[in-house]
Amino acid sequence: MPVISRMLGKLRDERAFGIIEALIAMTIMSLVLIALLGLLTVSVRAVTSSKLSTSATQLANELIEEIRSRDYELVGIIGRDANGSIPAEESRTVGGITYTINYDVLWVDDLADGTGADDTDSDGSKDYKQVNVTIHWTINNTPQTLSVVTYVKSKQKKTDPPTVNFIFGNYGVLDANKMPPDGTVFGTDNSPYKAWFDSGIIPLKAVGTDPNGDLVTMRFFVGLKTPNGGFYDINPTNQFENLPICYWNPQTIDTDTGDYLWGEGTHEVTVEVWDAHGNRDAKSIYWVIDRYPPLAPTNLVLVPQDRDKFILNWDPSYDGLDKITRYKIYRKGPGLTGSFDLLTESTFTVTTFTDVGLAEWSTYQYYVVAVSPGGRTSPDSNIVTGITQFNLTSEIEGNKKSVELEWNRVPAGILVDRIDVVRNGTVRASLSGSAYEYTDSLPSGHATYQYQIKAYYQGNLVNQSIVTTVTTKRG
């Protein structure tokens, strides 16, 4: 019995101790939960505040973009209307929260541009606008504020460009209200505009238009120079036809050089218009002044090409500032009999000409003349003389070890005192000037040889034959 009593007592002591432990644990857990609940409340408030601040920042960005998209003139006008002006204050609701927005617009005079010292300058210049945006909202009865700043500068409005066109008359029809057409040549006696040219009253006529009514200037240029009275300053308008008409005087003298301000050659004629926004349009044509003959072509050379062909080359002639592209070629021959005759006249784009169909071993002479756009001819170029090459025939002997060469005799009137037979660039024989045939011994075997006959007088080459090729067979 005593044993059982001791066991029951011990069991009662252990049960009492467990209840105390449980109470202590519950107390500690309650304290921890209370702390965690407070922390959770703070976290929820922080997240809510951050979300509202983010919404306010996004709203501020949207407001900045709206301000920048409005017309510059309306930024700062109180009261929102259909034109999109900015109010001093407004409210917007985002995510169930009402934000109050205040605007403050300042006109700023930029000191860096040197146009004024402060906003009260007498010049009244204002370079841009500063817009201060302040957003107000409340969290848990606590006021919150976000401020941002943007700058707005006046943007140039896009406008349609102006257009301009010359007013042309028909070629040769004298009409003081219309211009001679593109490509007109002035200064020659047969020009229909000779009286205008001599008197200095060649009309410059154009009309300009602008769809926005902002046309402000029209100007003429001849060779990059504006004729007297060729600049028109216009009050903004949608169309302008230059009145009184402007006249170009090509007889104007350059006071610095004492020569004509507009000299020989081609001159670009331009008319341009501008509108108030800096848009431009221009048209150009070309006129030619031809007072004097062009310079003579120089360095004419003749190159024999075959027994019936010459190639002529020369340096270009000039007419004032312009290179001539039209030439006349004169020829005398064969045998230099008679006078020079006009061989050809054309609009050559290069200074070269090939003359074909000539007589072999015959003498010809040439010279070239340049022709200006108005038909004036230059002095003659230097005269060149040439002799066409002559024919050379060859025949291989039956034994295949020699070749018979035969060529044209020297024509009467041409002096030749030596004739060389050349094989593969080496002189095989020197003959008298009256020779016209030769037999050359060849090595055995299959081979190819090239022959040419050269005629000399007193050591100078007079003429040479065409080149002929001989090929022997195996023997």
Protein backbone atom coordinates (compact mmCIF):
# COMPACT_ATOMS: atom_id res chain seq x y z
CA MET A 1 0.00 0.00 0.00
CA PRO A 2 2.70 2.52 0.78
CA VAL A 3 4.09 1.93 -2.72
CA ILE A 4 0.80 2.67 -4.41
CA SER A 5 0.40 5.84 -2.38
CA ARG A 6 3.81 7.09 -3.42
CA MET A 7 3.03 6.51 -7.13
CA LEU A 8 -0.28 8.38 -6.99
CA GLY A 9 1.40 11.34 -5.29
CA LYS A 10 4.09 11.48 -7.88
CA LEU A 11 1.49 11.45 -10.69
CA ARG A 12 -0.34 14.40 -9.14
CA ASP A 13 2.88 16.42 -8.92
CA GLU A 14 3.73 15.82 -12.64
CA ARG A 15 0.18 16.80 -13.83
CA ALA A 16 0.37 20.09 -11.94
CA PHE A 17 3.71 20.90 -13.52
CA GLY A 18 2.34 20.35 -17.08
CA ILE A 19 -0.51 22.81 -16.62
CA ILE A 20 1.91 25.51 -15.50
CA GLU A 21 4.10 24.94 -18.54
CA ALA A 22 1.13 25.19 -20.87
CA LEU A 23 0.04 28.48 -19.32
CA ILE A 24 3.51 29.95 -19.70
CA ALA A 25 3.72 28.84 -23.34
CA MET A 26 0.34 30.34 -24.16
CA THR A 27 1.35 33.62 -22.58
CA ILE A 28 4.55 33.82 -24.66
CA MET A 29 2.68 32.92 -27.85
CA SER A 30 0.12 35.62 -27.17
CA LEU A 31 2.85 38.23 -26.82
CA VAL A 32 4.49 37.11 -30.07
CA LEU A 33 1.18 37.17 -31.96
CA ILE A 34 0.42 40.66 -30.68
CA ALA A 35 3.85 41.84 -31.96
CA LEU A 36 3.38 40.14 -35.31
CA LEU A 37 -0.06 41.68 -35.70
CA GLY A 38 1.38 45.16 -35.14
CA LEU A 39 4.14 44.48 -37.65
CA LEU A 40 1.60 43.21 -40.18
CA THR A 41 -0.44 46.37 -39.75
CA VAL A 42 2.65 48.52 -40.37
CA SER A 43 3.57 46.44 -43.44
CA VAL A 44 0.08 46.77 -44.90
CA ARG A 45 0.20 50.53 -44.39
CA ALA A 46 3.66 50.72 -46.04
CA VAL A 47 2.53 48.70 -49.06
CA THR A 48 -0.59 50.83 -49.41
CA SER A 49 1.48 54.02 -49.18
CA SER A 50 3.97 52.72 -51.77
CA LYS A 51 1.16 51.79 -54.17
CA LEU A 52 -0.37 55.25 -53.83
CA SER A 53 3.02 56.91 -54.34
CA THR A 54 3.57 54.79 -57.46
CA SER A 55 0.13 55.76 -58.75
CA ALA A 56 0.93 59.41 -58.08
CA THR A 57 4.23 59.08 -59.98
CA GLN A 58 2.48 57.46 -62.95
CA LEU A 59 -0.13 60.21 -62.87
CA ALA A 60 2.61 62.83 -62.82
CA ASN A 61 4.23 61.27 -65.91
CA GLU A 62 0.89 61.27 -67.73
CA LEU A 63 0.33 64.92 -66.83
CA ILE A 64 3.80 65.85 -68.14
CA GLU A 65 3.06 64.15 -71.47
CA GLU A 66 -0.32 65.89 -71.69
CA ILE A 67 1.28 69.28 -71.08
CA ARG A 68 3.95 68.72 -73.73
CA SER A 69 1.34 67.67 -76.28
CA ARG A 70 -0.71 70.86 -75.93
CA ASP A 71 -0.28 73.97 -78.05
CA TYR A 72 2.41 76.22 -76.65
CA GLU A 73 0.04 79.20 -76.61
CA LEU A 74 -2.48 77.33 -74.39
CA VAL A 75 0.01 76.23 -71.75
CA GLY A 76 -0.73 78.51 -68.81
CA ILE A 77 -4.30 79.51 -69.73
CA ILE A 78 -6.64 78.92 -66.78
CA GLY A 79 -9.63 76.68 -67.33
CA ARG A 80 -9.78 73.37 -69.20
CA ASP A 81 -11.83 73.51 -72.37
CA ALA A 82 -12.05 71.89 -75.79
CA ASN A 83 -8.82 73.63 -76.81
CA GLY A 84 -6.88 71.77 -74.12
CA SER A 85 -5.73 74.64 -71.91
CA ILE A 86 -4.34 73.94 -68.42
CA PRO A 87 -6.37 74.79 -65.25
CA ALA A 88 -4.79 76.08 -62.08
CA GLU A 89 -6.16 73.11 -60.09
CA GLU A 90 -8.05 69.91 -60.80
CA SER A 91 -8.80 66.49 -59.26
CA ARG A 92 -8.36 63.03 -60.67
CA THR A 93 -9.31 59.66 -59.19
CA VAL A 94 -6.97 56.72 -59.67
CA GLY A 95 -7.64 53.33 -58.02
CA GLY A 96 -10.31 54.79 -55.74
CA ILE A 97 -8.01 57.52 -54.44
CA THR A 98 -8.63 61.19 -55.28
CA TYR A 99 -5.56 63.21 -56.17
CA THR A 100 -5.61 66.99 -56.17
CA ILE A 101 -3.37 68.56 -58.82
CA ASN A 102 -2.05 72.12 -58.84
CA TYR A 103 -0.36 73.77 -61.82
CA ASP A 104 1.97 76.75 -61.76
CA VAL A 105 3.24 78.14 -65.08
CA LEU A 106 6.23 80.51 -65.32
CA TRP A 107 7.43 82.26 -68.49
CA VAL A 108 11.23 81.95 -68.57
CA ASP A 109 13.74 84.21 -70.33
CA ASP A 110 16.89 82.16 -70.91
CA LEU A 111 19.90 84.25 -69.91
CA ALA A 112 22.23 82.14 -72.01
CA ASP A 113 20.83 83.35 -75.33
CA GLY A 114 21.72 86.98 -74.59
CA THR A 115 18.25 88.37 -75.37
CA GLY A 116 17.43 89.61 -71.90
CA ALA A 117 18.39 89.72 -68.24
CA ASP A 118 15.15 88.76 -66.48
CA ASP A 119 11.44 88.24 -67.01
CA THR A 120 10.70 91.97 -66.88
CA ASP A 121 12.95 92.92 -69.81
CA SER A 122 11.60 95.61 -72.07
CA ASP A 123 12.12 93.35 -75.07
CA GLY A 124 9.44 91.05 -73.69
CA SER A 125 11.20 87.97 -75.02
CA LYS A 126 10.30 84.67 -73.36
CA ASP A 127 12.25 81.61 -74.43
CA TYR A 128 10.18 78.83 -72.86
CA LYS A 129 7.62 78.00 -70.16
CA GLN A 130 8.29 76.19 -66.87
CA VAL A 131 5.33 74.15 -65.61
CA ASN A 132 5.35 73.05 -61.94
CA VAL A 133 2.93 70.19 -61.20
CA THR A 134 2.09 69.36 -57.55
CA ILE A 135 -0.05 66.32 -56.64
CA HIS A 136 -1.74 66.05 -53.21
CA TRP A 137 -3.41 63.03 -51.58
CA THR A 138 -4.07 61.71 -48.04
CA ILE A 139 -3.14 58.38 -46.40
CA ASN A 140 -4.56 57.65 -42.95
CA ASN A 141 -5.28 61.32 -42.45
CA THR A 142 -1.65 62.11 -43.36
CA PRO A 143 -1.16 64.57 -46.27
CA GLN A 144 1.19 63.43 -49.05
CA THR A 145 2.77 65.55 -51.81
CA LEU A 146 4.65 64.89 -55.09
CA SER A 147 6.14 67.72 -57.22
CA VAL A 148 7.50 67.50 -60.78
CA VAL A 149 8.71 70.14 -63.27
CA THR A 150 8.68 70.21 -67.07
CA TYR A 151 9.70 72.77 -69.69
CA VAL A 152 7.75 73.58 -72.83
CA LYS A 153 9.22 75.39 -75.83
CA SER A 154 7.35 76.78 -78.80
CA LYS A 155 7.27 74.33 -81.70
CA GLN A 156 7.30 75.57 -85.26
CA LYS A 157 4.15 74.57 -87.02
CA LYS A 158 4.51 72.49 -90.14
CA THR A 159 3.50 74.41 -93.23
CA ASP A 160 3.29 73.59 -96.90
CA PRO A 161 6.28 74.82 -98.93
CA PRO A 162 5.87 77.57 -101.54
CA THR A 163 6.27 77.03 -105.29
CA VAL A 164 7.73 79.24 -108.01
CA ASN A 165 7.83 79.06 -111.81
CA PHE A 166 9.25 81.16 -114.61
CA ILE A 167 6.86 82.78 -117.10
CA PHE A 168 8.25 81.95 -120.56
CA GLY A 169 7.42 83.31 -123.98
CA ASN A 170 7.89 81.50 -127.28
CA TYR A 171 11.41 81.55 -128.69
CA GLY A 172 12.02 84.70 -130.72
CA VAL A 173 8.70 86.31 -129.79
CA LEU A 174 9.50 89.63 -128.09
CA ASP A 175 7.20 90.03 -125.12
CA ALA A 176 8.48 92.25 -122.30
CA ASN A 177 6.23 90.37 -119.83
CA LYS A 178 7.73 86.96 -120.63
CA MET A 179 11.22 85.49 -120.50
CA PRO A 180 13.22 83.92 -123.34
CA PRO A 181 13.20 80.12 -122.90
CA ASP A 182 15.86 77.78 -121.57
CA GLY A 183 18.95 77.44 -123.79
CA THR A 184 18.66 80.86 -125.46
CA VAL A 185 21.92 82.23 -126.91
CA PHE A 186 22.47 85.98 -126.64
CA GLY A 187 25.07 88.22 -128.28
CA THR A 188 25.07 87.14 -131.92
CA ASP A 189 23.93 89.32 -134.79
CA ASN A 190 21.30 86.83 -135.92
CA SER A 191 19.73 86.48 -132.46
CA PRO A 192 16.06 87.56 -132.29
CA TYR A 193 16.92 89.07 -128.89
CA LYS A 194 19.82 91.23 -130.17
CA ALA A 195 18.01 94.52 -129.41
CA TRP A 196 17.17 93.37 -125.89
CA PHE A 197 20.74 92.18 -125.35
CA ASP A 198 22.32 95.39 -126.62
CA SER A 199 19.95 97.57 -124.57
CA GLY A 200 20.22 95.45 -121.42
CA ILE A 201 16.48 94.83 -121.02
CA ILE A 202 16.14 91.03 -121.00
CA PRO A 203 13.03 90.34 -118.84
CA LEU A 204 13.08 88.09 -115.77
CA LYS A 205 9.55 87.04 -114.97
CA ALA A 206 8.13 84.55 -112.44
CA VAL A 207 5.15 83.83 -110.22
CA GLY A 208 5.31 82.38 -106.70
CA THR A 209 2.52 80.82 -104.65
CA ASP A 210 2.14 79.65 -101.06
CA PRO A 211 -0.87 77.62 -99.85
CA ASN A 212 -0.55 79.04 -96.31
CA GLY A 213 -0.37 82.65 -97.45
CA ASP A 214 3.13 83.04 -95.98
CA LEU A 215 5.13 83.91 -99.11
CA VAL A 216 7.59 86.68 -98.13
CA THR A 217 10.44 86.95 -100.69
CA MET A 218 11.27 86.32 -104.36
CA ARG A 219 14.76 86.63 -105.80
CA PHE A 220 16.46 86.19 -109.19
CA PHE A 221 20.05 85.09 -109.82
CA VAL A 222 22.01 85.08 -113.07
CA GLY A 223 25.30 83.26 -112.61
CA LEU A 224 24.93 83.52 -108.79
CA LYS A 225 24.57 87.32 -109.05
CA THR A 226 21.30 89.17 -108.43
CA PRO A 227 20.51 91.70 -111.17
CA ASN A 228 19.56 95.23 -110.19
CA GLY A 229 15.99 95.12 -108.85
CA GLY A 230 15.95 91.32 -108.75
CA PHE A 231 15.06 91.01 -105.05
CA TYR A 232 11.46 91.41 -103.83
CA ASP A 233 10.54 91.68 -100.14
CA ILE A 234 6.83 90.87 -99.86
CA ASN A 235 4.27 91.24 -97.10
CA PRO A 236 3.02 87.69 -96.39
CA THR A 237 0.78 86.65 -99.26
CA ASN A 238 -0.42 83.52 -100.99
CA GLN A 239 0.67 84.56 -104.49
CA PHE A 240 3.12 87.05 -105.98
CA GLU A 241 3.92 87.87 -109.60
CA ASN A 242 6.93 90.16 -109.83
CA LEU A 243 5.70 93.60 -110.78
CA PRO A 244 7.23 95.78 -112.00
CA ILE A 245 9.12 93.21 -114.02
CA CYS A 246 12.86 92.76 -113.39
CA TYR A 247 15.27 93.25 -116.30
CA TRP A 248 18.69 91.61 -116.67
CA ASN A 249 21.36 93.86 -118.16
CA PRO A 250 24.17 91.66 -119.55
CA GLN A 251 26.11 94.80 -120.48
CA THR A 252 26.78 95.61 -116.80
CA ILE A 253 30.48 96.26 -116.15
CA ASP A 254 32.31 94.83 -113.13
CA THR A 255 33.85 97.88 -111.44
CA ASP A 256 36.65 95.74 -109.96
CA THR A 257 37.85 94.15 -113.20
CA GLY A 258 36.55 96.56 -115.83
CA ASP A 259 35.14 93.60 -117.77
CA TYR A 260 31.56 92.45 -118.21
CA LEU A 261 29.95 91.23 -114.98
CA TRP A 262 28.39 88.41 -117.02
CA GLY A 263 31.06 87.24 -119.46
CA GLU A 264 31.24 84.65 -122.21
CA GLY A 265 29.69 81.26 -121.66
CA THR A 266 26.74 79.60 -120.00
CA HIS A 267 24.99 81.23 -117.04
CA GLU A 268 22.51 79.56 -114.71
CA VAL A 269 19.35 81.64 -114.26
CA THR A 270 17.54 80.92 -110.98
CA VAL A 271 14.42 82.24 -109.28
CA GLU A 272 13.68 81.36 -105.66
CA VAL A 273 10.94 82.11 -103.13
CA TRP A 274 10.81 81.79 -99.34
CA ASP A 275 7.92 81.68 -96.92
CA ALA A 276 7.79 83.02 -93.36
CA HIS A 277 8.71 79.58 -91.95
CA GLY A 278 11.95 79.23 -93.89
CA ASN A 279 10.59 76.94 -96.60
CA ARG A 280 12.07 77.47 -100.07
CA ASP A 281 11.45 76.58 -103.70
CA ALA A 282 13.63 77.39 -106.71
CA LYS A 283 13.76 76.79 -110.47
CA SER A 284 16.74 77.09 -112.84
CA ILE A 285 17.36 77.40 -116.58
CA TYR A 286 20.49 78.19 -118.62
CA TRP A 287 21.28 81.07 -120.98
CA VAL A 288 24.42 81.55 -123.09
CA ILE A 289 26.32 84.74 -123.88
CA ASP A 290 28.29 84.59 -127.15
CA ARG A 291 30.01 87.91 -127.88
CA TYR A 292 33.35 86.67 -129.23
CA PRO A 293 34.75 83.71 -131.20
CA PRO A 294 36.11 80.80 -129.13
CA LEU A 295 39.78 80.04 -128.72
CA ALA A 296 41.49 77.89 -131.36
CA PRO A 297 41.88 74.15 -130.66
CA THR A 298 45.48 73.27 -129.79
CA ASN A 299 47.90 70.34 -130.01
CA LEU A 300 46.27 68.65 -132.99
CA VAL A 301 48.08 65.36 -133.66
CA LEU A 302 47.63 62.71 -136.37
CA VAL A 303 48.23 59.00 -135.81
CA PRO A 304 48.30 56.62 -138.83
CA GLN A 305 46.36 53.45 -137.99
CA ASP A 306 46.30 51.49 -141.25
CA ARG A 307 46.81 51.91 -144.96
CA ASP A 308 43.42 53.73 -145.14
CA LYS A 309 42.90 55.27 -141.67
CA PHE A 310 44.03 58.23 -139.53
CA ILE A 311 43.06 59.15 -135.97
CA LEU A 312 43.03 62.86 -135.05
CA ASN A 313 43.27 64.10 -131.45
CA TRP A 314 43.38 67.66 -130.06
CA ASP A 315 42.98 69.65 -126.87
CA PRO A 316 39.55 71.22 -126.35
CA SER A 317 38.77 74.81 -127.21
CA TYR A 318 37.05 77.21 -124.80
CA ASP A 319 34.45 79.92 -125.27
CA GLY A 320 34.71 82.04 -122.15
CA LEU A 321 34.07 79.66 -119.26
CA ASP A 322 32.59 76.92 -121.45
CA LYS A 323 34.30 74.05 -123.22
CA ILE A 324 33.33 73.81 -126.87
CA THR A 325 31.74 70.55 -128.00
CA ARG A 326 31.25 71.40 -131.67
CA TYR A 327 34.08 71.34 -134.23
CA LYS A 328 34.69 71.56 -137.97
CA ILE A 329 37.43 69.36 -139.49
CA TYR A 330 39.13 70.38 -142.74
CA ARG A 331 41.26 68.10 -144.95
CA LYS A 332 43.56 68.46 -147.99
CA GLY A 333 44.72 65.47 -150.06
CA PRO A 334 45.64 63.01 -151.21
CA GLY A 335 48.89 64.39 -152.52
CA LEU A 336 48.12 67.81 -150.96
CA THR A 337 46.49 68.98 -154.17
CA GLY A 338 43.88 71.72 -154.21
CA SER A 339 42.63 73.56 -151.12
CA PHE A 340 41.34 72.40 -147.75
CA ASP A 341 37.77 71.15 -147.84
CA LEU A 342 35.32 70.78 -144.98
CA LEU A 343 35.44 67.09 -144.09
CA THR A 344 32.81 67.01 -141.34
CA GLU A 345 30.95 69.18 -138.82
CA SER A 346 29.19 67.66 -135.87
CA THR A 347 28.55 67.96 -132.14
CA PHE A 348 31.53 65.99 -130.94
CA THR A 349 31.44 65.11 -127.26
CA VAL A 350 35.14 64.12 -127.32
CA THR A 351 38.05 65.80 -129.08
CA THR A 352 38.93 62.96 -131.41
CA PHE A 353 37.99 61.88 -134.93
CA THR A 354 38.76 58.86 -137.11
CA ASP A 355 39.09 59.38 -140.88
CA VAL A 356 38.74 56.16 -142.91
CA GLY A 357 38.60 55.12 -146.57
CA LEU A 358 41.84 56.87 -147.48
CA ALA A 359 44.23 56.00 -150.32
CA GLU A 360 47.28 54.01 -149.23
CA TRP A 361 50.75 55.61 -149.19
CA SER A 362 49.16 59.03 -149.72
CA THR A 363 49.76 62.35 -147.99
CA TYR A 364 46.96 64.24 -146.23
CA GLN A 365 46.76 67.43 -144.15
CA TYR A 366 44.21 68.44 -141.52
CA TYR A 367 43.22 71.31 -139.25
CA VAL A 368 40.31 71.82 -136.81
CA VAL A 369 38.10 74.83 -136.05
CA ALA A 370 35.90 75.28 -132.95
CA VAL A 371 32.35 76.62 -133.27
CA SER A 372 30.62 78.52 -130.45
CA PRO A 373 26.96 77.97 -129.46
CA GLY A 374 26.05 81.07 -131.47
CA GLY A 375 27.92 79.89 -134.57
CA ARG A 376 31.11 81.95 -134.20
CA THR A 377 34.21 80.10 -135.45
CA SER A 378 37.62 80.08 -133.81
CA PRO A 379 40.97 80.59 -135.51
CA ASP A 380 42.41 77.47 -137.15
CA SER A 381 44.29 74.91 -135.14
CA ASN A 382 47.80 73.85 -136.11
CA ILE A 383 48.03 71.91 -139.40
CA VAL A 384 49.13 68.26 -139.26
CA THR A 385 50.43 66.15 -142.16
CA GLY A 386 50.35 62.39 -142.39
CA ILE A 387 51.01 59.58 -144.87
CA THR A 388 48.85 56.50 -144.86
CA GLN A 389 50.63 53.18 -144.52
CA PHE A 390 51.08 50.90 -147.54
CA ASN A 391 50.30 47.29 -148.28
CA LEU A 392 52.78 44.42 -147.83
CA THR A 393 52.18 40.97 -149.33
CA SER A 394 54.09 37.77 -148.62
CA GLU A 395 54.39 34.34 -150.27
CA ILE A 396 56.33 31.32 -148.98
CA GLU A 397 58.51 29.52 -151.48
CA GLY A 398 57.88 25.85 -152.16
CA ASN A 399 60.91 24.68 -150.19
CA LYS A 400 59.44 26.47 -147.11
CA LYS A 401 62.81 27.99 -146.36
CA SER A 402 62.24 31.49 -147.78
CA VAL A 403 59.49 34.07 -148.09
CA GLU A 404 58.95 36.52 -150.92
CA LEU A 405 57.86 40.01 -149.82
CA GLU A 406 56.40 42.65 -152.12
CA TRP A 407 55.12 46.13 -151.38
CA ASN A 408 53.89 49.31 -153.07
CA ARG A 409 56.45 51.42 -154.85
CA VAL A 410 57.20 54.84 -153.41
CA PRO A 411 54.77 57.31 -155.03
CA ALA A 412 56.08 60.21 -157.08
CA GLY A 413 56.82 63.30 -155.05
CA ILE A 414 57.82 61.40 -151.86
CA LEU A 415 61.53 61.26 -151.13
CA VAL A 416 62.87 57.92 -149.83
CA ASP A 417 66.57 56.98 -149.82
CA ARG A 418 66.45 53.75 -147.76
CA ILE A 419 64.01 50.91 -147.16
CA ASP A 420 64.45 48.52 -144.22
CA VAL A 421 62.98 45.02 -144.11
CA VAL A 422 62.12 44.23 -140.49
CA ARG A 423 61.43 40.69 -139.24
CA ASN A 424 60.20 40.22 -135.66
CA GLY A 425 61.58 43.67 -134.78
CA THR A 426 65.02 43.10 -136.27
CA VAL A 427 66.25 44.67 -139.52
CA ARG A 428 66.95 41.89 -142.00
CA ALA A 429 68.05 44.10 -144.90
CA SER A 430 68.49 47.76 -145.91
CA LEU A 431 67.59 48.42 -149.54
CA SER A 432 67.60 51.41 -151.85
CA GLY A 433 64.62 53.76 -151.86
CA SER A 434 63.37 52.38 -155.17
CA ALA A 435 63.12 48.75 -154.00
CA TYR A 436 59.71 47.11 -153.85
CA GLU A 437 60.47 43.39 -153.23
CA TYR A 438 62.72 41.14 -151.13
CA THR A 439 63.23 37.40 -150.52
CA ASP A 440 64.08 36.43 -146.95
CA SER A 441 65.64 33.08 -146.00
CA LEU A 442 63.96 31.29 -143.11
CA PRO A 443 65.20 28.71 -140.64
CA SER A 444 63.87 25.16 -140.96
CA GLY A 445 60.91 24.03 -138.96
CA HIS A 446 57.51 25.31 -137.96
CA ALA A 447 57.54 29.01 -136.91
CA THR A 448 55.64 32.33 -137.17
CA TYR A 449 57.23 35.59 -138.34
CA GLN A 450 56.03 39.19 -138.53
CA TYR A 451 57.31 41.51 -141.29
CA GLN A 452 57.11 45.25 -141.80
CA ILE A 453 58.71 47.58 -144.37
CA LYS A 454 59.99 51.00 -143.20
CA ALA A 455 60.93 53.83 -145.57
CA TYR A 456 63.48 56.53 -144.59
CA TYR A 457 64.83 59.76 -145.97
CA GLN A 458 68.02 61.21 -144.53
CA GLY A 459 67.61 59.05 -141.46
CA ASN A 460 64.01 60.06 -140.76
CA LEU A 461 61.13 57.62 -140.95
CA VAL A 462 58.89 58.59 -143.86
CA ASN A 463 56.37 55.78 -143.85
CA GLN A 464 55.88 52.12 -143.00
CA SER A 465 53.81 49.25 -144.27
CA ILE A 466 51.12 47.35 -142.47
CA VAL A 467 52.38 44.32 -140.52
CA THR A 468 52.04 40.94 -142.21
CA THR A 469 52.37 37.54 -140.56
CA VAL A 470 54.03 34.46 -142.10
CA THR A 471 53.77 30.95 -140.66
CA THR A 472 55.95 28.10 -142.05
CA LYS A 473 55.11 24.40 -141.92
CA ARG A 474 57.34 21.63 -140.65
CA GLY A 475 59.77 20.60 -143.30
